[in-house]
Protein backbone atom coordinates (compact mmCIF):
# COMPACT_ATOMS: atom_id res chain seq x y z
CA UNK A 1 20.06 59.57 102.17
CA UNK A 2 21.43 61.41 99.14
CA UNK A 3 22.89 59.48 96.25
CA UNK A 4 26.59 60.19 95.98
CA UNK A 5 28.33 60.99 92.72
CA UNK A 6 31.49 58.99 92.15
CA UNK A 7 34.82 60.73 92.60
CA UNK A 8 35.74 60.16 88.98
CA UNK A 9 32.53 61.79 87.73
CA UNK A 10 33.03 64.75 90.06
CA UNK A 11 36.62 65.19 88.86
CA UNK A 12 35.55 64.91 85.22
CA UNK A 13 32.86 67.52 85.78
CA UNK A 14 35.34 69.85 87.54
CA UNK A 15 37.87 69.43 84.72
CA UNK A 16 35.25 70.23 82.08
CA UNK A 17 33.98 73.27 84.00
CA UNK A 18 37.50 74.58 84.50
CA UNK A 19 38.23 74.25 80.79
CA UNK A 20 35.13 76.28 79.96
CA UNK A 21 36.09 78.91 82.54
CA UNK A 22 39.60 79.16 81.09
CA UNK A 23 38.15 79.81 77.64
CA UNK A 24 35.68 82.46 78.86
CA UNK A 25 38.20 84.16 81.15
CA UNK A 26 40.85 84.10 78.43
CA UNK A 27 38.66 86.18 76.12
CA UNK A 28 37.91 88.61 78.94
CA UNK A 29 41.58 88.88 79.89
CA UNK A 30 42.59 89.56 76.29
CA UNK A 31 40.23 92.53 76.21
CA UNK A 32 41.43 93.76 79.60
CA UNK A 33 45.08 93.55 78.47
CA UNK A 34 44.28 95.60 75.36
CA UNK A 35 42.52 98.24 77.50
CA UNK A 36 45.44 98.35 79.93
CA UNK A 37 47.95 98.72 77.09
CA UNK A 38 45.96 101.60 75.63
CA UNK A 39 45.67 103.27 79.06
CA UNK A 40 49.38 102.84 79.84
CA UNK A 41 50.45 104.21 76.45
CA UNK A 42 48.34 107.31 77.07
CA UNK A 43 49.97 107.77 80.49
CA UNK A 44 53.39 107.17 78.98
CA UNK A 45 52.84 109.89 76.37
CA UNK A 46 51.90 112.42 79.07
CA UNK A 47 54.85 111.62 81.38
CA UNK A 48 58.51 112.61 81.19
CA UNK A 49 61.10 109.88 80.82
CA UNK A 50 62.75 109.06 84.11
CA UNK A 51 59.83 110.23 86.29
CA UNK A 52 57.23 107.51 85.71
CA UNK A 53 54.71 106.14 88.17
CA UNK A 54 55.81 102.71 89.54
CA UNK A 55 52.93 100.94 87.76
CA UNK A 56 54.04 102.52 84.49
CA UNK A 57 57.66 101.53 85.15
CA UNK A 58 56.56 97.95 85.73
CA UNK A 59 54.49 97.91 82.53
CA UNK A 60 57.36 99.33 80.45
CA UNK A 61 59.87 96.83 81.83
CA UNK A 62 57.44 93.96 81.21
CA UNK A 63 56.82 95.05 77.61
CA UNK A 64 60.54 95.46 76.90
CA UNK A 65 61.61 92.40 78.90
CA UNK A 66 64.35 94.24 80.80
CA UNK A 67 64.56 95.90 84.24
CA UNK A 68 63.41 99.53 84.25
CA UNK A 69 66.80 100.70 85.48
CA UNK A 70 68.23 99.62 82.09
CA UNK A 71 65.50 101.18 79.96
CA UNK A 72 66.57 104.07 77.75
CA UNK A 73 64.48 106.96 76.50
CA UNK A 74 64.89 105.70 72.93
CA UNK A 75 63.36 102.32 73.87
CA UNK A 76 60.39 104.09 75.44
CA UNK A 77 59.90 106.14 72.25
CA UNK A 78 59.96 102.96 70.18
CA UNK A 79 57.42 101.39 72.51
CA UNK A 80 55.16 104.41 72.10
CA UNK A 81 55.48 104.39 68.34
CA UNK A 82 54.42 100.75 68.30
CA UNK A 83 57.51 99.22 66.71
């Protein structure tokens, strides 16, 4: 019969492994967010103001913190310029 690990030790091991995964995935996600921002800004520069792809509309509204229906062309220009 196999020797069982105690519940506490299993939970401690899981907690430690999850903390390591969070650290590793956090670095990966940071890079992915930077790539996505760069890609979306390039798409934004090629598109005309009210006629954006839904994914681009979602990204713009998330970056500005307001619904896309309230976004103005000036705010999009500011977002593109980086300020």
